[in-house]
Amino acid sequence: MTQPSVILATASYDHTIRFWEAKSGRCYRTIQYPDSHINRLEITPDKRFLAAAGNPHIRLFDVNSNSPQPVMSYDSHTNNVMAVGFQCDGNWMYSGSEDGTVKIWDLRAPGCQREYESRAAVNTVVLHPNQTELISGDQNGNIRVWDLTANSCSCELVPEVDTAVRSLTVMWDGSLVVAANNHGTCYVWRLLRGTQTMTNFEPLHKLQAHKGYILKCLLSPEYLATASSDNTVKIWNVDGFTLEKTLIGHQRWVWDCVFSVDGAYLITASSDTTAKLWNMSNGEEIKAYQGHHKATVCCALHDGAEPSPS
């Protein structure tokens, strides 16, 4: 059986996107991105395209070509696009923006197919593993569930009034959702299925994770990772949300992180211009990816198998 290819990309305030060989640390492709800074990177499930969320557009680049030009541009947001992601078959893309909207884009058709109004700048959007609900978090502290089947908002909660929800993450099986805010707090809920398909949130845990901002939270089957403005990433056990280890090595804010498919490794992106690869079993830094000239603010990794054609 052939090893799945590893796609690792980072973006920086230096207006470039870089692709890296994960093992050697060599940068093998640089895309100039003069139009804006990039807030978020995401790789399509089939590993063919990389989405870059900027201001106010989303651009899709071909992973396997050397062309500096995007293959597609999605342009109906009117402010910073803070979140982007894909449905599991790669048929559609979702996005969230500081213009206060969450949008859905059919990748096989031009334009935006749906739009939901959050009425405040959207910082984070995640897709529930059931592929039928989007969960968004905004600058005013609102978390909203958007039911794509009913085409409406099915649930709203405010964990902390007037405290921006910075990042959301959902467990692979849909059992947990975590929200991280500007006060360094993580709220953990158990997601319960009601009699309808509507998701109910049952409070499970409140975690004072960092003294600074939490810029990104991310679940793997075993761990919750929290990346912070205190220059660290903390790794929490999802069993009792006890602190497992602290990843120390970045010199400045840690903006983003992504787990390898098996949860054994973590990639982080920092204002110190580097991205780093960490071993989850001992918390050691394995590799630093050096080449950006300014803050590295987002990273994307796809080291899993491509979905088999149905």
Protein backbone atom coordinates (compact mmCIF):
# COMPACT_ATOMS: atom_id res chain seq x y z
CA MET A 1 0.00 0.00 0.00
CA THR A 2 1.39 3.40 -0.92
CA GLN A 3 1.82 5.98 1.83
CA PRO A 4 -0.60 8.86 1.45
CA SER A 5 1.09 12.05 0.31
CA VAL A 6 1.54 14.76 2.90
CA ILE A 7 0.43 18.27 2.01
CA LEU A 8 1.70 20.94 4.42
CA ALA A 9 1.18 24.65 3.74
CA THR A 10 1.63 27.85 5.73
CA ALA A 11 0.72 31.49 5.12
CA SER A 12 2.29 34.63 6.52
CA TYR A 13 1.95 38.39 6.79
CA ASP A 14 4.82 38.45 4.26
CA HIS A 15 2.11 37.85 1.61
CA THR A 16 3.24 34.36 0.67
CA ILE A 17 1.92 30.83 0.93
CA ARG A 18 4.61 28.18 1.31
CA PHE A 19 4.42 24.42 0.73
CA TRP A 20 6.80 22.27 2.78
CA GLU A 21 8.20 18.76 2.78
CA ALA A 22 7.04 17.76 6.25
CA LYS A 23 9.95 15.42 7.04
CA SER A 24 12.90 17.40 5.65
CA GLY A 25 11.56 20.89 6.35
CA ARG A 26 12.36 22.00 2.80
CA CYS A 27 10.10 24.62 1.21
CA TYR A 28 9.39 23.43 -2.34
CA ARG A 29 6.87 26.02 -3.54
CA THR A 30 6.08 29.64 -2.74
CA ILE A 31 2.98 31.46 -3.96
CA GLN A 32 3.03 35.26 -3.86
CA TYR A 33 -0.24 36.63 -2.49
CA PRO A 34 -0.07 40.44 -2.85
CA ASP A 35 -3.81 41.18 -2.59
CA SER A 36 -4.27 40.87 1.18
CA HIS A 37 -3.05 38.99 4.20
CA ILE A 38 -4.33 35.42 4.65
CA ASN A 39 -6.35 34.44 7.72
CA ARG A 40 -6.91 30.75 7.14
CA LEU A 41 -5.76 27.88 4.93
CA GLU A 42 -7.65 24.67 4.24
CA ILE A 43 -6.95 21.71 1.95
CA THR A 44 -9.76 19.99 0.06
CA PRO A 45 -10.52 16.38 1.11
CA ASP A 46 -9.15 15.05 -2.22
CA LYS A 47 -5.88 17.01 -1.67
CA ARG A 48 -6.19 18.73 -5.03
CA PHE A 49 -6.78 22.30 -3.89
CA LEU A 50 -5.74 24.72 -1.18
CA ALA A 51 -8.21 27.43 -0.11
CA ALA A 52 -6.75 30.70 1.15
CA ALA A 53 -9.14 32.98 3.04
CA GLY A 54 -8.14 36.64 2.73
CA ASN A 55 -9.78 40.04 2.70
CA PRO A 56 -12.45 39.87 1.38
CA HIS A 57 -12.06 36.92 -0.98
CA ILE A 58 -11.29 33.19 -0.89
CA ARG A 59 -8.87 31.87 -3.50
CA LEU A 60 -8.45 28.25 -4.53
CA PHE A 61 -4.97 27.12 -5.63
CA ASP A 62 -4.02 23.89 -7.40
CA VAL A 63 -1.86 21.84 -5.00
CA ASN A 64 -0.17 19.86 -7.76
CA SER A 65 0.70 22.66 -10.16
CA ASN A 66 3.37 25.32 -10.10
CA SER A 67 1.05 28.03 -11.33
CA PRO A 68 1.10 31.13 -9.13
CA GLN A 69 -2.46 31.94 -10.22
CA PRO A 70 -5.53 30.74 -8.33
CA VAL A 71 -7.86 28.42 -10.24
CA MET A 72 -10.91 30.07 -8.68
CA SER A 73 -11.86 33.12 -6.65
CA TYR A 74 -14.91 33.43 -4.39
CA ASP A 75 -15.80 37.06 -3.95
CA SER A 76 -19.09 37.90 -2.24
CA HIS A 77 -17.82 38.58 1.30
CA THR A 78 -17.24 42.26 2.07
CA ASN A 79 -14.68 41.95 4.89
CA ASN A 80 -11.97 39.63 6.27
CA VAL A 81 -12.77 35.93 5.75
CA MET A 82 -11.83 34.28 9.06
CA ALA A 83 -13.01 30.71 8.50
CA VAL A 84 -13.10 28.31 5.59
CA GLY A 85 -13.68 24.56 5.31
CA PHE A 86 -15.08 21.80 3.14
CA GLN A 87 -17.86 19.26 3.23
CA CYS A 88 -16.40 15.73 3.50
CA ASP A 89 -16.92 14.87 -0.19
CA GLY A 90 -15.53 18.23 -1.26
CA ASN A 91 -18.77 19.22 -3.01
CA TRP A 92 -19.16 22.48 -1.15
CA MET A 93 -17.20 24.95 0.91
CA TYR A 94 -18.27 27.05 3.88
CA SER A 95 -16.87 30.35 5.11
CA GLY A 96 -17.33 32.92 7.86
CA SER A 97 -16.37 36.57 7.74
CA GLU A 98 -16.02 39.75 9.76
CA ASP A 99 -18.85 41.05 7.52
CA GLY A 100 -21.13 39.10 9.89
CA THR A 101 -22.11 36.31 7.52
CA VAL A 102 -21.61 32.57 7.10
CA LYS A 103 -21.73 31.46 3.47
CA ILE A 104 -21.94 28.21 1.55
CA TRP A 105 -20.37 27.79 -1.88
CA ASP A 106 -21.03 24.96 -4.34
CA LEU A 107 -17.58 24.22 -5.75
CA ARG A 108 -19.08 23.10 -9.05
CA ALA A 109 -20.97 26.36 -9.62
CA PRO A 110 -20.05 30.03 -9.50
CA GLY A 111 -21.17 32.33 -6.71
CA CYS A 112 -22.46 31.80 -3.20
CA GLN A 113 -25.48 29.49 -2.74
CA ARG A 114 -26.50 30.38 0.82
CA GLU A 115 -25.89 33.06 3.38
CA TYR A 116 -26.62 33.20 7.11
CA GLU A 117 -26.54 36.42 9.14
CA SER A 118 -24.73 36.29 12.47
CA ARG A 119 -25.15 40.07 13.05
CA ALA A 120 -21.58 40.30 14.41
CA ALA A 121 -18.11 39.63 12.99
CA VAL A 122 -17.69 35.85 12.57
CA ASN A 123 -14.34 34.55 13.85
CA THR A 124 -14.78 30.80 13.50
CA VAL A 125 -17.00 28.22 11.76
CA VAL A 126 -16.88 24.43 12.00
CA LEU A 127 -18.88 21.75 10.23
CA HIS A 128 -20.51 19.12 12.42
CA PRO A 129 -19.41 15.59 11.33
CA ASN A 130 -23.04 14.91 10.37
CA GLN A 131 -22.37 17.35 7.47
CA THR A 132 -25.77 19.00 8.02
CA GLU A 133 -24.98 21.64 10.67
CA LEU A 134 -22.51 24.52 10.78
CA ILE A 135 -21.51 26.01 14.13
CA SER A 136 -20.27 29.61 14.19
CA GLY A 137 -18.71 31.83 16.84
CA ASP A 138 -18.61 35.62 16.69
CA GLN A 139 -17.07 38.74 18.14
CA ASN A 140 -20.06 39.40 20.44
CA GLY A 141 -19.73 35.99 22.09
CA ASN A 142 -22.57 34.21 20.28
CA ILE A 143 -22.37 30.57 19.22
CA ARG A 144 -24.97 29.61 16.65
CA VAL A 145 -25.90 26.31 15.02
CA TRP A 146 -27.06 26.64 11.42
CA ASP A 147 -29.24 23.72 10.33
CA LEU A 148 -28.50 23.28 6.64
CA THR A 149 -31.49 20.98 6.10
CA ALA A 150 -34.03 23.40 7.64
CA ASN A 151 -31.95 26.32 6.33
CA SER A 152 -32.23 28.20 9.64
CA CYS A 153 -30.54 28.87 12.97
CA SER A 154 -31.51 25.97 15.25
CA CYS A 155 -29.64 26.93 18.41
CA GLU A 156 -27.98 29.97 20.01
CA LEU A 157 -25.87 30.23 23.13
CA VAL A 158 -23.65 32.83 24.75
CA PRO A 159 -21.07 31.27 27.10
CA GLU A 160 -19.72 34.66 28.22
CA VAL A 161 -21.45 37.93 27.36
CA ASP A 162 -19.42 40.33 25.20
CA THR A 163 -16.40 38.01 25.12
CA ALA A 164 -15.40 37.14 21.56
CA VAL A 165 -15.52 33.45 20.62
CA ARG A 166 -12.18 33.05 18.88
CA SER A 167 -12.18 29.37 17.88
CA LEU A 168 -14.52 26.37 17.78
CA THR A 169 -13.73 22.69 17.36
CA VAL A 170 -15.90 19.55 17.18
CA MET A 171 -14.89 15.99 18.02
CA TRP A 172 -14.69 13.66 14.97
CA ASP A 173 -17.74 11.68 16.17
CA GLY A 174 -19.77 14.78 17.04
CA SER A 175 -19.74 14.01 20.78
CA LEU A 176 -18.01 17.18 22.01
CA VAL A 177 -17.71 20.80 21.00
CA VAL A 178 -15.20 23.26 22.48
CA ALA A 179 -15.28 27.06 22.25
CA ALA A 180 -12.25 29.19 23.13
CA ASN A 181 -12.50 32.89 23.90
CA ASN A 182 -10.46 36.05 24.30
CA HIS A 183 -10.19 35.56 28.07
CA GLY A 184 -8.21 32.33 27.76
CA THR A 185 -11.22 30.20 28.68
CA CYS A 186 -12.45 27.04 26.97
CA TYR A 187 -16.05 25.93 27.27
CA VAL A 188 -16.70 22.25 26.62
CA TRP A 189 -20.14 20.87 25.83
CA ARG A 190 -21.41 17.39 25.21
CA LEU A 191 -23.49 17.38 22.05
CA LEU A 192 -26.73 15.49 22.48
CA ARG A 193 -29.09 14.49 19.72
CA GLY A 194 -32.64 15.56 20.47
CA THR A 195 -35.71 13.76 19.18
CA GLN A 196 -35.32 15.79 16.01
CA THR A 197 -31.90 16.03 14.41
CA MET A 198 -31.30 19.24 16.34
CA THR A 199 -28.15 19.35 18.38
CA ASN A 200 -28.40 20.14 22.11
CA PHE A 201 -25.49 21.46 24.12
CA GLU A 202 -24.93 20.00 27.59
CA PRO A 203 -22.28 21.91 29.59
CA LEU A 204 -19.46 19.55 30.52
CA HIS A 205 -16.44 21.60 31.52
CA LYS A 206 -15.03 25.11 31.85
CA LEU A 207 -11.30 25.32 31.47
CA GLN A 208 -9.15 28.34 32.34
CA ALA A 209 -6.51 27.31 29.82
CA HIS A 210 -4.32 30.40 29.35
CA LYS A 211 -3.79 33.85 30.81
CA GLY A 212 -3.67 35.35 27.31
CA TYR A 213 -5.97 34.98 24.31
CA ILE A 214 -6.68 31.54 22.91
CA LEU A 215 -6.23 31.96 19.17
CA LYS A 216 -7.09 28.40 18.18
CA CYS A 217 -8.52 25.30 19.85
CA LEU A 218 -8.50 21.92 18.18
CA LEU A 219 -9.67 18.44 19.15
CA SER A 220 -8.10 15.14 18.20
CA PRO A 221 -9.60 11.84 19.42
CA GLU A 222 -7.31 11.99 22.49
CA TYR A 223 -6.43 15.63 23.05
CA LEU A 224 -7.56 19.23 23.04
CA ALA A 225 -4.86 21.62 21.83
CA THR A 226 -5.07 25.31 22.75
CA ALA A 227 -2.76 27.79 20.99
CA SER A 228 -2.28 31.11 22.72
CA SER A 229 -0.86 34.62 22.73
CA ASP A 230 1.28 33.45 25.71
CA ASN A 231 3.60 31.77 23.10
CA THR A 232 2.61 28.23 24.15
CA VAL A 233 0.33 25.44 23.04
CA LYS A 234 -1.24 23.40 25.81
CA ILE A 235 -2.34 19.83 25.33
CA TRP A 236 -5.30 18.66 27.44
CA ASN A 237 -6.55 15.13 27.89
CA VAL A 238 -10.14 14.88 26.64
CA ASP A 239 -11.03 12.39 29.38
CA GLY A 240 -11.00 14.88 32.24
CA PHE A 241 -9.52 17.97 30.58
CA THR A 242 -6.42 17.78 32.72
CA LEU A 243 -3.24 19.37 31.39
CA GLU A 244 -1.14 16.71 29.66
CA LYS A 245 1.78 18.84 28.43
CA THR A 246 2.80 22.34 27.37
CA LEU A 247 4.60 22.84 24.06
CA ILE A 248 7.28 25.46 24.64
CA GLY A 249 9.52 26.73 21.85
CA HIS A 250 7.74 29.48 19.95
CA GLN A 251 9.01 32.97 20.77
CA ARG A 252 5.77 34.82 20.01
CA TRP A 253 2.01 34.29 19.62
CA VAL A 254 0.87 30.89 18.35
CA TRP A 255 -1.94 31.54 15.88
CA ASP A 256 -2.84 28.15 14.48
CA CYS A 257 -2.35 24.43 14.90
CA VAL A 258 -3.34 21.24 13.10
CA PHE A 259 -3.08 17.57 14.09
CA SER A 260 -1.82 14.81 11.83
CA VAL A 261 -4.55 12.35 10.87
CA ASP A 262 -3.50 9.84 13.58
CA GLY A 263 -3.16 12.55 16.25
CA ALA A 264 0.51 11.64 16.83
CA TYR A 265 1.88 14.98 15.60
CA LEU A 266 0.91 18.64 15.75
CA ILE A 267 1.92 21.48 13.42
CA THR A 268 1.86 25.03 14.84
CA ALA A 269 2.18 28.50 13.26
CA SER A 270 3.56 31.52 15.10
CA SER A 271 4.30 35.25 14.93
CA ASP A 272 7.97 34.29 15.37
CA THR A 273 7.80 33.54 11.56
CA THR A 274 8.15 29.77 11.98
CA ALA A 275 5.91 26.75 11.87
CA LYS A 276 6.88 23.78 14.02
CA LEU A 277 6.24 20.04 14.08
CA TRP A 278 5.73 18.47 17.52
CA ASN A 279 5.68 14.91 18.75
CA MET A 280 2.54 14.39 20.85
CA SER A 281 3.91 11.43 22.83
CA ASN A 282 6.65 13.49 24.53
CA GLY A 283 5.82 17.12 23.61
CA GLU A 284 9.19 17.57 21.88
CA GLU A 285 9.77 19.79 18.86
CA ILE A 286 10.82 17.68 15.87
CA LYS A 287 11.19 20.23 13.08
CA ALA A 288 11.00 23.98 12.45
CA TYR A 289 9.83 25.26 9.07
CA GLN A 290 11.78 28.46 8.43
CA GLY A 291 11.42 30.72 5.42
CA HIS A 292 8.68 33.25 6.07
CA HIS A 293 9.87 36.80 6.84
CA LYS A 294 6.92 37.91 8.96
CA ALA A 295 4.35 36.34 11.30
CA THR A 296 3.17 32.90 10.18
CA VAL A 297 -0.52 32.99 11.01
CA CYS A 298 -2.03 29.84 9.58
CA CYS A 299 -1.15 26.31 8.58
CA ALA A 300 -2.88 23.45 6.81
CA LEU A 301 -2.00 19.76 6.80
CA HIS A 302 -3.55 16.80 4.98
CA ASP A 303 -1.67 13.56 5.58
CA GLY A 304 -4.64 11.21 5.45
CA ALA A 305 -5.92 9.05 2.64
CA GLU A 306 -7.97 10.66 -0.07
CA PRO A 307 -11.66 9.66 0.19
CA SER A 308 -12.27 6.71 -2.12
CA PRO A 309 -14.46 7.55 -5.13
CA SER A 310 -18.01 6.54 -4.26
